[in-house]
Amino acid sequence: MEENSGTAASWYVEQRFGRDWPHLGARWVQQVADGGEYQQLVLPDGSADVIVFHDGTVRLVGPTMEPEVVNLPAGSTYRALRLRPGAVRSAIGVPAVELRDQVLALGDVVRPGAARALGLAASGHAAATHSLQHRWESSASERRLRGVIGWLARNGSANVDEVASATGLSGRQLRRLLLEHVGVGPKSLQRVFRLQRFLQLADGQPAAGRLADLAADVGYADQAHLTREVKRLSGLTPAALLRKRGGG
């Protein structure tokens, strides 16, 4: 999930997991002030989230390629565990493509014991988090998958054939692997990584007059390519998205 400014006050805190946690990306907490409803813009990031909602329900939010504005009630609090791109199949036990664009009660997807452990981990329970990480296998095939995902993240302008060749797979094998474990194909995942990299580079810096440079740094063909893809994935132009993230 991607935290952005909205119509009321919201506080967002994120604790990122290190490289020795191959399945977990981050634990995050978001609180909405009592003053009014908060409009949260959620952007694609290649991840899935286990979220403990303000009413105590625990839901699985699958990977998506679509932006969404979610209305969060005043005074609500959300606690969540974000799975790294590629971790859905191992952590949830369901092909990631089956969860794409879905928001499901966690208990409808996994067994009760797993749902309880995931809910506790999302709520910040350290022992449950460590137990999950040890339970999930990290096989040679999973390590290869992480290598493929890392290669896509680092090479924003490579085409699918180049990615497949560099990772020792055919184009069909690459697509099947990513649909199974990430929920989207290689080009879609590459678009998401480019967007996230653009936001990382642009955050905290004046972007006026720098969009063309940022586009080149991230792997877009040109500024027009940047604008098309950012609008497709966020619903906003690059400049408007950066203003929104900055509270403008």
Protein backbone atom coordinates (compact mmCIF):
# COMPACT_ATOMS: atom_id res chain seq x y z
CA MET A 1 0.00 0.00 0.00
CA GLU A 2 1.13 3.53 -0.69
CA GLU A 3 0.42 6.27 1.84
CA ASN A 4 -0.70 9.62 0.45
CA SER A 5 -2.25 12.78 1.75
CA GLY A 6 -6.03 13.13 1.88
CA THR A 7 -8.87 15.27 3.17
CA ALA A 8 -8.22 14.79 6.91
CA ALA A 9 -5.26 14.07 9.15
CA SER A 10 -3.68 10.62 9.00
CA TRP A 11 -0.52 9.22 10.60
CA TYR A 12 1.36 6.39 8.93
CA VAL A 13 4.33 4.51 10.39
CA GLU A 14 6.18 1.75 8.55
CA GLN A 15 8.77 -0.70 9.85
CA ARG A 16 10.63 -2.37 7.01
CA PHE A 17 12.08 -5.84 7.34
CA GLY A 18 15.68 -6.50 6.32
CA ARG A 19 17.06 -8.87 3.73
CA ASP A 20 17.06 -11.75 6.19
CA TRP A 21 13.25 -11.67 6.05
CA PRO A 22 12.69 -12.87 2.46
CA HIS A 23 8.89 -13.04 2.67
CA LEU A 24 8.06 -9.92 4.67
CA GLY A 25 8.39 -6.42 3.30
CA ALA A 26 7.09 -4.26 6.14
CA ARG A 27 4.76 -3.90 9.07
CA TRP A 28 2.73 -0.69 9.02
CA VAL A 29 0.20 1.19 11.11
CA GLN A 30 -2.15 3.93 9.92
CA GLN A 31 -4.34 6.05 12.20
CA VAL A 32 -7.00 8.52 11.10
CA ALA A 33 -7.78 11.55 13.25
CA ASP A 34 -11.22 12.11 14.74
CA GLY A 35 -11.82 15.18 12.60
CA GLY A 36 -13.25 13.47 9.54
CA GLU A 37 -13.01 10.74 6.93
CA TYR A 38 -9.66 10.27 5.23
CA GLN A 39 -9.27 9.57 1.52
CA GLN A 40 -6.37 7.17 1.00
CA LEU A 41 -4.88 6.73 -2.46
CA VAL A 42 -3.53 3.19 -2.78
CA LEU A 43 -1.05 2.58 -5.59
CA PRO A 44 0.15 -0.72 -7.08
CA ASP A 45 3.41 -1.93 -5.53
CA GLY A 46 3.53 -5.65 -6.42
CA SER A 47 2.77 -6.65 -2.83
CA ALA A 48 -0.11 -8.17 -0.89
CA ASP A 49 -1.15 -7.02 2.58
CA VAL A 50 -2.70 -8.74 5.58
CA ILE A 51 -4.62 -5.94 7.29
CA VAL A 52 -6.27 -5.86 10.71
CA PHE A 53 -9.10 -3.38 10.15
CA HIS A 54 -10.47 -0.96 12.73
CA ASP A 55 -13.43 -3.27 13.44
CA GLY A 56 -11.12 -6.21 14.23
CA THR A 57 -11.63 -8.09 10.98
CA VAL A 58 -8.52 -9.38 9.21
CA ARG A 59 -8.45 -9.18 5.43
CA LEU A 60 -6.08 -10.12 2.68
CA VAL A 61 -5.59 -7.45 0.03
CA GLY A 62 -4.17 -9.06 -3.08
CA PRO A 63 -1.77 -7.57 -5.62
CA THR A 64 -3.26 -5.10 -8.07
CA MET A 65 -2.44 -3.02 -11.12
CA GLU A 66 -5.18 -0.46 -10.44
CA PRO A 67 -5.11 2.63 -8.22
CA GLU A 68 -7.90 2.97 -5.69
CA VAL A 69 -9.13 5.70 -3.37
CA VAL A 70 -10.28 4.16 -0.09
CA ASN A 71 -12.38 6.13 2.40
CA LEU A 72 -11.14 5.51 5.95
CA PRO A 73 -13.50 6.42 8.83
CA ALA A 74 -12.55 9.09 11.36
CA GLY A 75 -10.76 7.66 14.40
CA SER A 76 -9.95 4.35 12.72
CA THR A 77 -6.67 2.43 13.07
CA TYR A 78 -5.22 -0.16 10.69
CA ARG A 79 -2.33 -2.52 11.37
CA ALA A 80 -0.84 -4.62 8.61
CA LEU A 81 1.83 -6.96 7.38
CA ARG A 82 3.04 -6.40 3.84
CA LEU A 83 4.29 -9.44 1.93
CA ARG A 84 7.15 -8.91 -0.47
CA PRO A 85 6.45 -9.27 -4.20
CA GLY A 86 6.66 -12.99 -4.93
CA ALA A 87 5.88 -14.18 -1.38
CA VAL A 88 2.13 -14.71 -1.76
CA ARG A 89 2.28 -18.34 -2.92
CA SER A 90 4.51 -19.45 -0.04
CA ALA A 91 2.84 -17.36 2.65
CA ILE A 92 -0.81 -17.84 1.71
CA GLY A 93 -0.71 -21.14 -0.19
CA VAL A 94 -2.76 -19.84 -3.10
CA PRO A 95 -1.53 -18.85 -6.58
CA ALA A 96 -1.07 -15.09 -6.48
CA VAL A 97 -2.98 -14.56 -9.73
CA GLU A 98 -6.12 -15.91 -8.02
CA LEU A 99 -5.87 -13.12 -5.43
CA ARG A 100 -5.26 -10.28 -7.86
CA ASP A 101 -7.55 -7.29 -7.28
CA GLN A 102 -9.25 -9.13 -4.40
CA VAL A 103 -10.02 -8.04 -0.84
CA LEU A 104 -10.96 -11.18 1.09
CA ALA A 105 -11.57 -12.20 4.67
CA LEU A 106 -8.31 -13.91 5.61
CA GLY A 107 -10.19 -16.82 7.17
CA ASP A 108 -11.78 -17.56 3.79
CA VAL A 109 -8.35 -18.04 2.20
CA VAL A 110 -6.18 -19.84 4.79
CA ARG A 111 -6.80 -22.31 7.59
CA PRO A 112 -7.81 -20.98 11.03
CA GLY A 113 -4.38 -21.52 12.61
CA ALA A 114 -2.62 -19.70 9.77
CA ALA A 115 -5.19 -16.89 9.84
CA ARG A 116 -4.64 -16.41 13.57
CA ALA A 117 -0.84 -16.36 13.18
CA LEU A 118 -0.98 -13.88 10.31
CA GLY A 119 -3.39 -11.65 12.20
CA LEU A 120 -1.15 -11.63 15.27
CA ALA A 121 1.90 -10.84 13.15
CA ALA A 122 0.07 -8.00 11.42
CA SER A 123 -0.91 -6.63 14.84
CA GLY A 124 2.75 -6.49 15.86
CA HIS A 125 3.18 -9.74 17.78
CA ALA A 126 6.92 -10.44 17.49
CA ALA A 127 6.82 -14.14 18.38
CA ALA A 128 4.09 -14.82 15.80
CA THR A 129 6.09 -12.96 13.17
CA HIS A 130 9.23 -14.99 13.81
CA SER A 131 7.21 -18.21 13.83
CA LEU A 132 5.74 -17.44 10.42
CA GLN A 133 9.08 -16.62 8.90
CA HIS A 134 10.55 -19.91 10.10
CA ARG A 135 7.51 -21.84 8.90
CA TRP A 136 7.67 -20.54 5.35
CA GLU A 137 10.17 -22.43 3.27
CA SER A 138 12.93 -20.71 1.36
CA SER A 139 13.84 -23.23 -1.31
CA ALA A 140 16.26 -22.95 -4.21
CA SER A 141 13.32 -22.22 -6.53
CA GLU A 142 12.22 -19.39 -4.24
CA ARG A 143 15.70 -17.92 -4.23
CA ARG A 144 15.68 -18.07 -8.02
CA LEU A 145 12.31 -16.30 -8.03
CA ARG A 146 13.72 -13.52 -5.84
CA GLY A 147 16.60 -13.19 -8.27
CA VAL A 148 14.15 -12.75 -11.16
CA ILE A 149 12.15 -10.13 -9.26
CA GLY A 150 15.32 -8.30 -8.27
CA TRP A 151 16.50 -8.26 -11.86
CA LEU A 152 13.20 -6.74 -13.00
CA ALA A 153 13.40 -4.10 -10.27
CA ARG A 154 16.91 -3.08 -11.30
CA ASN A 155 16.35 -3.06 -15.07
CA GLY A 156 13.45 -0.76 -15.78
CA SER A 157 13.98 -0.54 -19.54
CA ALA A 158 14.75 -4.19 -20.38
CA ASN A 159 12.26 -6.06 -22.55
CA VAL A 160 10.77 -9.40 -21.58
CA ASP A 161 13.11 -11.41 -23.82
CA GLU A 162 16.13 -9.77 -22.18
CA VAL A 163 14.74 -10.54 -18.72
CA ALA A 164 14.04 -14.15 -19.63
CA SER A 165 17.48 -14.64 -21.15
CA ALA A 166 19.27 -13.01 -18.22
CA THR A 167 17.43 -15.22 -15.72
CA GLY A 168 17.76 -18.48 -17.65
CA LEU A 169 14.06 -18.85 -18.47
CA SER A 170 11.94 -18.82 -21.59
CA GLY A 171 9.45 -15.99 -21.98
CA ARG A 172 6.59 -18.39 -21.23
CA GLN A 173 8.30 -19.79 -18.13
CA LEU A 174 8.97 -16.28 -16.86
CA ARG A 175 5.36 -15.22 -17.24
CA ARG A 176 4.02 -18.41 -15.63
CA LEU A 177 6.42 -18.06 -12.69
CA LEU A 178 5.43 -14.46 -11.99
CA LEU A 179 1.69 -15.04 -12.34
CA GLU A 180 1.95 -17.92 -9.86
CA HIS A 181 3.97 -16.05 -7.25
CA VAL A 182 3.40 -12.32 -7.84
CA GLY A 183 0.03 -12.24 -9.57
CA VAL A 184 1.06 -10.15 -12.58
CA GLY A 185 3.20 -10.74 -15.65
CA PRO A 186 6.74 -9.43 -16.18
CA LYS A 187 5.84 -6.24 -18.06
CA SER A 188 3.19 -5.30 -15.51
CA LEU A 189 5.57 -5.92 -12.61
CA GLN A 190 8.23 -3.85 -14.36
CA ARG A 191 5.74 -0.96 -14.69
CA VAL A 192 4.97 -1.14 -10.97
CA PHE A 193 8.65 -1.15 -10.06
CA ARG A 194 9.29 1.84 -12.33
CA LEU A 195 6.50 3.78 -10.65
CA GLN A 196 7.77 2.98 -7.18
CA ARG A 197 11.35 3.86 -8.15
CA PHE A 198 10.15 7.17 -9.62
CA LEU A 199 8.40 8.01 -6.35
CA GLN A 200 11.45 7.07 -4.29
CA LEU A 201 13.73 9.32 -6.35
CA ALA A 202 11.25 12.21 -6.48
CA ASP A 203 10.17 12.22 -2.82
CA GLY A 204 11.62 15.06 -0.82
CA GLN A 205 13.09 16.78 -3.87
CA PRO A 206 11.74 19.62 -6.02
CA ALA A 207 10.53 17.84 -9.15
CA ALA A 208 9.68 20.89 -11.26
CA GLY A 209 11.79 20.78 -14.41
CA ARG A 210 13.30 17.43 -13.38
CA LEU A 211 10.69 15.01 -14.72
CA ALA A 212 12.64 14.31 -17.89
CA ASP A 213 15.76 13.48 -15.86
CA LEU A 214 13.77 11.32 -13.45
CA ALA A 215 12.18 9.49 -16.38
CA ALA A 216 15.61 8.60 -17.77
CA ASP A 217 16.97 7.59 -14.36
CA VAL A 218 14.10 5.18 -13.74
CA GLY A 219 14.02 3.55 -17.17
CA TYR A 220 11.20 5.33 -18.99
CA ALA A 221 11.82 6.01 -22.67
CA ASP A 222 11.09 9.73 -22.20
CA GLN A 223 8.93 12.11 -20.18
CA ALA A 224 5.85 11.29 -22.26
CA HIS A 225 6.31 7.60 -21.41
CA LEU A 226 6.58 8.53 -17.73
CA THR A 227 3.37 10.56 -17.91
CA ARG A 228 1.40 7.79 -19.64
CA GLU A 229 2.43 5.09 -17.17
CA VAL A 230 2.04 7.21 -14.04
CA LYS A 231 -1.47 8.25 -15.12
CA ARG A 232 -2.33 4.62 -15.84
CA LEU A 233 -1.14 3.40 -12.43
CA SER A 234 -2.18 6.34 -10.25
CA GLY A 235 -4.89 8.20 -12.16
CA LEU A 236 -2.80 11.38 -11.89
CA THR A 237 -0.09 13.11 -13.88
CA PRO A 238 3.41 12.80 -12.38
CA ALA A 239 3.35 16.42 -11.16
CA ALA A 240 -0.11 16.05 -9.62
CA LEU A 241 0.85 12.80 -7.90
CA LEU A 242 3.96 14.36 -6.39
CA ARG A 243 1.95 17.36 -5.18
CA LYS A 244 -0.59 15.04 -3.56
CA ARG A 245 2.10 13.04 -1.81
CA GLY A 246 3.60 16.29 -0.58
CA GLY A 247 0.29 17.45 0.85
CA GLY A 248 -0.48 19.91 -1.91
